[in-house]
N, C-alpha and C. Protein backbone atom coordinates (compact mmCIF):
# COMPACT_ATOMS: atom_id res chain seq x y z
N MET A 1 0.79 -1.27 -0.01
CA MET A 1 0.05 -0.02 0.02
C MET A 1 0.82 1.24 0.06
N LYS A 2 1.90 1.25 0.76
CA LYS A 2 2.99 2.33 0.63
C LYS A 2 3.34 2.64 -0.66
N TYR A 3 3.71 1.63 -1.48
CA TYR A 3 4.23 1.88 -2.92
C TYR A 3 3.10 2.54 -3.67
N LEU A 4 1.97 2.20 -3.52
CA LEU A 4 0.74 2.73 -4.43
C LEU A 4 0.57 4.28 -4.07
N ALA A 5 0.64 4.50 -2.80
CA ALA A 5 0.64 6.04 -2.24
C ALA A 5 1.82 6.68 -2.83
N LEU A 6 3.06 6.23 -2.77
CA LEU A 6 4.17 6.84 -3.33
C LEU A 6 4.11 6.99 -4.82
N ALA A 7 3.72 6.05 -5.57
CA ALA A 7 3.44 6.16 -7.01
C ALA A 7 2.52 7.20 -7.25
N SER A 8 1.31 7.23 -6.57
CA SER A 8 0.35 8.42 -6.88
C SER A 8 0.94 9.65 -6.57
N LEU A 9 1.74 9.93 -5.54
CA LEU A 9 2.23 11.12 -5.11
C LEU A 9 3.15 11.65 -6.31
N LEU A 10 3.98 10.62 -6.75
CA LEU A 10 5.01 10.99 -7.83
C LEU A 10 4.17 11.36 -9.14
N CYS A 11 3.10 10.71 -9.38
CA CYS A 11 2.33 10.98 -10.65
C CYS A 11 1.72 12.56 -10.48
N VAL A 12 1.28 12.87 -9.36
CA VAL A 12 0.80 14.15 -9.13
C VAL A 12 1.91 15.17 -9.23
N LEU A 13 3.03 14.95 -8.74
CA LEU A 13 4.11 15.87 -8.79
C LEU A 13 4.74 16.09 -10.19
N VAL A 14 4.78 15.07 -11.05
CA VAL A 14 5.14 15.07 -12.44
C VAL A 14 4.26 15.82 -13.21
N SER A 15 2.82 15.52 -12.95
CA SER A 15 1.78 16.16 -13.75
C SER A 15 1.79 17.71 -13.49
N SER A 16 2.24 18.13 -12.36
CA SER A 16 2.11 19.52 -11.96
C SER A 16 3.29 20.42 -12.38
N SER A 17 4.38 19.78 -13.08
CA SER A 17 5.52 20.52 -13.57
C SER A 17 5.37 20.35 -15.08
N ASN A 18 6.10 21.31 -15.73
CA ASN A 18 6.04 21.24 -17.17
C ASN A 18 7.49 21.71 -17.70
N ALA A 19 8.23 20.77 -18.11
CA ALA A 19 9.56 21.13 -18.67
C ALA A 19 9.55 21.59 -20.11
N GLN A 20 8.32 21.69 -20.76
CA GLN A 20 8.28 22.18 -22.07
C GLN A 20 7.73 23.50 -22.18
N CYS A 21 8.32 24.44 -21.30
CA CYS A 21 7.90 25.85 -21.38
C CYS A 21 9.18 26.72 -21.63
N PHE A 22 8.98 27.82 -22.20
CA PHE A 22 9.96 28.80 -22.29
C PHE A 22 9.43 30.21 -22.10
N ALA A 23 10.22 31.08 -21.56
CA ALA A 23 9.88 32.53 -21.36
C ALA A 23 10.08 33.31 -22.51
N LYS A 24 9.13 34.19 -22.64
CA LYS A 24 9.22 35.16 -23.74
C LYS A 24 9.64 36.50 -23.32
N PRO A 25 10.66 37.26 -24.03
CA PRO A 25 11.10 38.48 -23.56
C PRO A 25 9.88 39.51 -23.79
N VAL A 26 9.76 40.41 -22.65
CA VAL A 26 8.85 41.46 -22.70
C VAL A 26 9.51 42.73 -23.21
N THR A 27 8.99 43.23 -24.27
CA THR A 27 9.75 44.31 -24.93
C THR A 27 9.42 45.68 -24.22
N SER A 28 8.19 45.85 -23.72
CA SER A 28 7.79 47.26 -23.06
C SER A 28 6.68 46.95 -21.92
N ASP A 29 6.73 47.69 -20.89
CA ASP A 29 5.76 47.49 -19.88
C ASP A 29 4.53 48.13 -20.28
N HIS A 30 4.52 48.97 -21.30
CA HIS A 30 3.32 49.92 -21.60
C HIS A 30 2.59 49.53 -22.91
N GLN A 31 2.90 48.33 -23.29
CA GLN A 31 2.13 47.74 -24.51
C GLN A 31 0.86 47.10 -24.05
N ALA A 32 -0.15 47.24 -24.92
CA ALA A 32 -1.47 46.57 -24.60
C ALA A 32 -1.66 45.34 -25.43
N PHE A 33 -0.66 44.91 -26.24
CA PHE A 33 -0.60 43.71 -27.04
C PHE A 33 0.72 43.24 -27.10
N CYS A 34 0.82 41.82 -27.38
CA CYS A 34 1.97 41.25 -27.72
C CYS A 34 1.80 40.33 -28.83
N GLN A 35 3.00 40.02 -29.57
CA GLN A 35 2.82 39.19 -30.87
C GLN A 35 3.38 37.73 -30.49
N ASP A 36 2.50 36.83 -31.09
CA ASP A 36 3.03 35.46 -31.07
C ASP A 36 4.20 35.27 -32.02
N ASP A 37 5.29 34.53 -31.67
CA ASP A 37 6.54 34.39 -32.34
C ASP A 37 6.22 33.36 -33.51
N VAL A 38 5.25 32.63 -33.43
CA VAL A 38 5.09 31.43 -34.41
C VAL A 38 4.19 31.98 -35.58
N ASP A 39 2.90 32.46 -35.17
CA ASP A 39 1.97 32.86 -36.08
C ASP A 39 1.87 34.30 -36.44
N ASN A 40 2.78 35.14 -35.77
CA ASN A 40 2.78 36.60 -35.94
C ASN A 40 1.50 37.22 -35.66
N THR A 41 0.60 36.68 -34.80
CA THR A 41 -0.62 37.12 -34.39
C THR A 41 -0.57 38.14 -33.34
N TRP A 42 -1.46 39.08 -33.15
CA TRP A 42 -1.41 40.05 -31.92
C TRP A 42 -2.52 39.55 -30.91
N HIS A 43 -2.04 39.57 -29.59
CA HIS A 43 -3.00 39.06 -28.54
C HIS A 43 -2.90 40.18 -27.45
N PRO A 44 -4.19 40.55 -26.80
CA PRO A 44 -4.13 41.39 -25.66
C PRO A 44 -3.26 40.92 -24.49
N VAL A 45 -2.52 41.83 -23.85
CA VAL A 45 -1.84 41.43 -22.46
C VAL A 45 -2.80 40.84 -21.56
N GLY A 46 -2.45 39.79 -20.99
CA GLY A 46 -3.23 38.99 -20.01
C GLY A 46 -4.10 37.77 -20.70
N SER A 47 -4.07 37.82 -22.01
CA SER A 47 -4.75 36.73 -22.62
C SER A 47 -4.07 35.51 -22.95
N LYS A 48 -4.66 34.39 -23.11
CA LYS A 48 -3.97 33.01 -23.46
C LYS A 48 -4.49 32.61 -24.80
N TRP A 49 -3.81 31.89 -25.51
CA TRP A 49 -4.11 31.25 -26.89
C TRP A 49 -3.12 30.18 -27.13
N ARG A 50 -3.54 29.41 -28.04
CA ARG A 50 -2.81 28.20 -28.61
C ARG A 50 -2.49 28.62 -30.08
N ASN A 51 -1.06 28.46 -30.34
CA ASN A 51 -0.76 28.78 -31.78
C ASN A 51 -0.70 27.53 -32.52
N SER A 52 -0.25 27.72 -33.87
CA SER A 52 -0.33 26.57 -34.86
C SER A 52 0.88 25.63 -34.57
N ALA A 53 1.76 25.93 -33.65
CA ALA A 53 2.79 24.86 -33.19
C ALA A 53 2.17 24.03 -31.93
N CYS A 54 1.08 24.23 -31.68
CA CYS A 54 0.40 23.51 -30.49
C CYS A 54 1.00 23.92 -29.13
N MET A 55 1.40 25.17 -29.10
CA MET A 55 2.09 25.76 -27.88
C MET A 55 0.83 26.72 -27.07
N ASP A 56 0.64 26.44 -25.94
CA ASP A 56 -0.26 27.34 -25.12
C ASP A 56 0.43 28.49 -24.56
N CYS A 57 0.09 29.79 -25.09
CA CYS A 57 1.04 30.95 -24.81
C CYS A 57 0.20 32.02 -24.00
N THR A 58 1.12 32.76 -23.34
CA THR A 58 0.62 34.15 -22.87
C THR A 58 1.59 35.13 -23.42
N CYS A 59 1.53 36.34 -22.95
CA CYS A 59 2.56 37.42 -23.44
C CYS A 59 3.96 37.04 -22.82
N THR A 60 4.09 36.39 -21.78
CA THR A 60 5.17 36.09 -21.10
C THR A 60 5.87 34.64 -21.25
N GLN A 61 5.16 33.68 -21.65
CA GLN A 61 5.60 32.31 -21.77
C GLN A 61 4.79 31.51 -22.75
N CYS A 62 5.49 30.44 -23.24
CA CYS A 62 4.76 29.48 -24.13
C CYS A 62 5.11 27.93 -23.45
N CYS A 63 4.07 27.25 -23.41
CA CYS A 63 4.28 25.83 -22.96
C CYS A 63 3.66 24.95 -23.96
N ALA A 64 4.19 23.75 -24.21
CA ALA A 64 3.68 22.64 -24.94
C ALA A 64 2.30 22.36 -24.59
N GLY A 65 1.37 22.44 -25.49
CA GLY A 65 -0.14 22.19 -25.18
C GLY A 65 -0.36 20.48 -25.28
N TYR A 66 0.64 19.73 -25.10
CA TYR A 66 0.55 18.38 -25.36
C TYR A 66 1.51 17.60 -24.35
N ALA A 67 1.26 16.31 -24.10
CA ALA A 67 2.21 15.56 -23.34
C ALA A 67 2.95 14.66 -24.42
N THR A 68 4.31 14.46 -24.09
CA THR A 68 5.18 13.61 -24.98
C THR A 68 5.35 12.35 -24.30
N PRO A 69 4.90 11.23 -25.09
CA PRO A 69 5.12 9.87 -24.40
C PRO A 69 6.55 9.55 -24.20
N THR A 70 6.98 9.02 -23.15
CA THR A 70 8.22 8.56 -22.73
C THR A 70 8.46 7.08 -22.59
N ASN A 71 7.40 6.45 -22.30
CA ASN A 71 7.26 5.01 -22.01
C ASN A 71 6.13 4.36 -22.45
N TYR A 72 6.34 3.32 -23.36
CA TYR A 72 5.32 2.61 -24.08
C TYR A 72 5.86 1.29 -24.43
N PRO A 73 5.08 0.32 -24.84
CA PRO A 73 5.66 -0.89 -25.31
C PRO A 73 6.51 -0.84 -26.60
N ASP A 74 7.52 -1.76 -26.47
CA ASP A 74 8.55 -1.70 -27.56
C ASP A 74 8.05 -2.03 -28.97
N ASP A 75 6.90 -2.68 -29.02
CA ASP A 75 6.27 -3.01 -30.42
C ASP A 75 5.37 -1.76 -30.78
N CYS A 76 5.46 -0.73 -30.23
CA CYS A 76 4.68 0.44 -30.55
C CYS A 76 5.47 1.70 -30.88
N VAL A 77 4.88 2.52 -31.62
CA VAL A 77 5.45 3.84 -31.93
C VAL A 77 4.62 5.06 -31.62
N SER A 78 5.28 6.17 -31.50
CA SER A 78 4.62 7.52 -31.11
C SER A 78 4.72 8.45 -32.35
N VAL A 79 3.38 8.77 -32.66
CA VAL A 79 3.36 9.75 -33.79
C VAL A 79 2.72 10.91 -33.31
N PHE A 80 3.12 12.24 -33.79
CA PHE A 80 2.47 13.34 -33.44
C PHE A 80 1.41 13.81 -34.34
N ASP A 81 0.18 14.12 -33.95
CA ASP A 81 -0.95 14.51 -34.62
C ASP A 81 -0.91 16.16 -34.53
N PRO A 82 -0.45 16.91 -35.49
CA PRO A 82 -0.47 18.28 -35.24
C PRO A 82 -1.88 19.08 -35.48
N VAL A 83 -2.82 18.32 -35.90
CA VAL A 83 -4.19 18.85 -35.86
C VAL A 83 -4.86 18.67 -34.58
N ALA A 84 -4.63 17.51 -33.91
CA ALA A 84 -5.31 17.30 -32.56
C ALA A 84 -4.30 17.79 -31.49
N CYS A 85 -3.11 18.24 -31.83
CA CYS A 85 -2.14 18.54 -30.77
C CYS A 85 -1.80 17.63 -29.83
N LYS A 86 -1.69 16.33 -30.20
CA LYS A 86 -1.47 15.23 -29.21
C LYS A 86 -0.60 14.07 -29.97
N TYR A 87 0.11 13.24 -29.29
CA TYR A 87 0.74 12.14 -29.62
C TYR A 87 -0.31 10.96 -29.63
N ILE A 88 0.03 10.16 -30.64
CA ILE A 88 -0.90 8.91 -30.67
C ILE A 88 0.11 7.66 -30.73
N VAL A 89 -0.08 6.81 -29.86
CA VAL A 89 0.83 5.68 -29.76
C VAL A 89 0.17 4.48 -30.28
N HIS A 90 0.67 3.82 -31.24
CA HIS A 90 -0.06 2.59 -31.81
C HIS A 90 0.89 1.63 -32.19
N LYS A 91 0.53 0.39 -32.61
CA LYS A 91 1.31 -0.68 -32.85
C LYS A 91 2.10 -0.31 -34.25
N LYS A 92 3.46 -0.66 -34.21
CA LYS A 92 4.29 -0.47 -35.27
C LYS A 92 3.62 -1.18 -36.56
N ASP A 93 3.24 -2.30 -36.50
CA ASP A 93 2.68 -3.12 -37.58
C ASP A 93 1.23 -2.92 -37.95
N ASP A 94 0.57 -2.14 -36.95
CA ASP A 94 -0.93 -1.99 -37.25
C ASP A 94 -1.36 -0.76 -36.55
N PRO A 95 -1.33 0.40 -37.39
CA PRO A 95 -1.74 1.69 -36.79
C PRO A 95 -3.26 1.90 -36.25
N SER A 96 -4.01 0.81 -36.51
CA SER A 96 -5.33 0.79 -36.00
C SER A 96 -5.45 0.49 -34.49
N VAL A 97 -4.43 -0.11 -33.92
CA VAL A 97 -4.30 -0.61 -32.62
C VAL A 97 -3.46 0.30 -31.81
N GLU A 98 -4.25 0.95 -30.92
CA GLU A 98 -3.55 1.84 -29.92
C GLU A 98 -2.85 1.16 -28.81
N CYS A 99 -1.74 1.76 -28.30
CA CYS A 99 -0.99 1.17 -27.20
C CYS A 99 -1.20 1.92 -25.97
N PRO A 100 -0.87 1.41 -24.77
CA PRO A 100 -0.92 2.01 -23.53
C PRO A 100 0.30 3.03 -23.40
N ILE A 101 0.11 4.12 -22.85
CA ILE A 101 1.25 5.16 -22.57
C ILE A 101 1.45 4.92 -21.11
N LEU A 102 2.75 4.61 -20.79
CA LEU A 102 3.14 4.19 -19.44
C LEU A 102 3.76 5.43 -18.63
N GLY A 103 4.14 6.26 -19.48
CA GLY A 103 4.90 7.43 -18.88
C GLY A 103 4.91 8.68 -20.01
N ALA A 104 4.95 9.80 -19.57
CA ALA A 104 4.69 11.04 -20.37
C ALA A 104 5.37 12.27 -19.74
N VAL A 105 5.67 13.15 -20.44
CA VAL A 105 6.33 14.58 -19.84
C VAL A 105 5.48 15.59 -20.53
N GLY A 106 5.23 16.66 -19.75
CA GLY A 106 4.56 17.76 -20.39
C GLY A 106 3.14 17.84 -19.77
N LYS A 107 2.41 18.85 -20.36
CA LYS A 107 1.03 18.98 -20.12
C LYS A 107 0.57 18.32 -18.87
């Protein structure tokens, strides 16, 4: 039972951190808008948006809007779907059969 509690705690800690973020430089304190570096779109200061690179952004940072699988069965492959902004893990020899994701980083 101790191990189950420890595993649950570790899952919570991992999911609350996000190593796929980066800070964006602030050019001026007096601007009402900021520009997305990927799409070159303008957004009001204080707003949140998702750009075409599947990044969830604010004017001061962007973070990956998806989790990256790090542990799945050896007979499976991880493929990124840029439309859905998520990884799909499926059998190498049969893409119609999804595989379990045993570990992931991000979101």
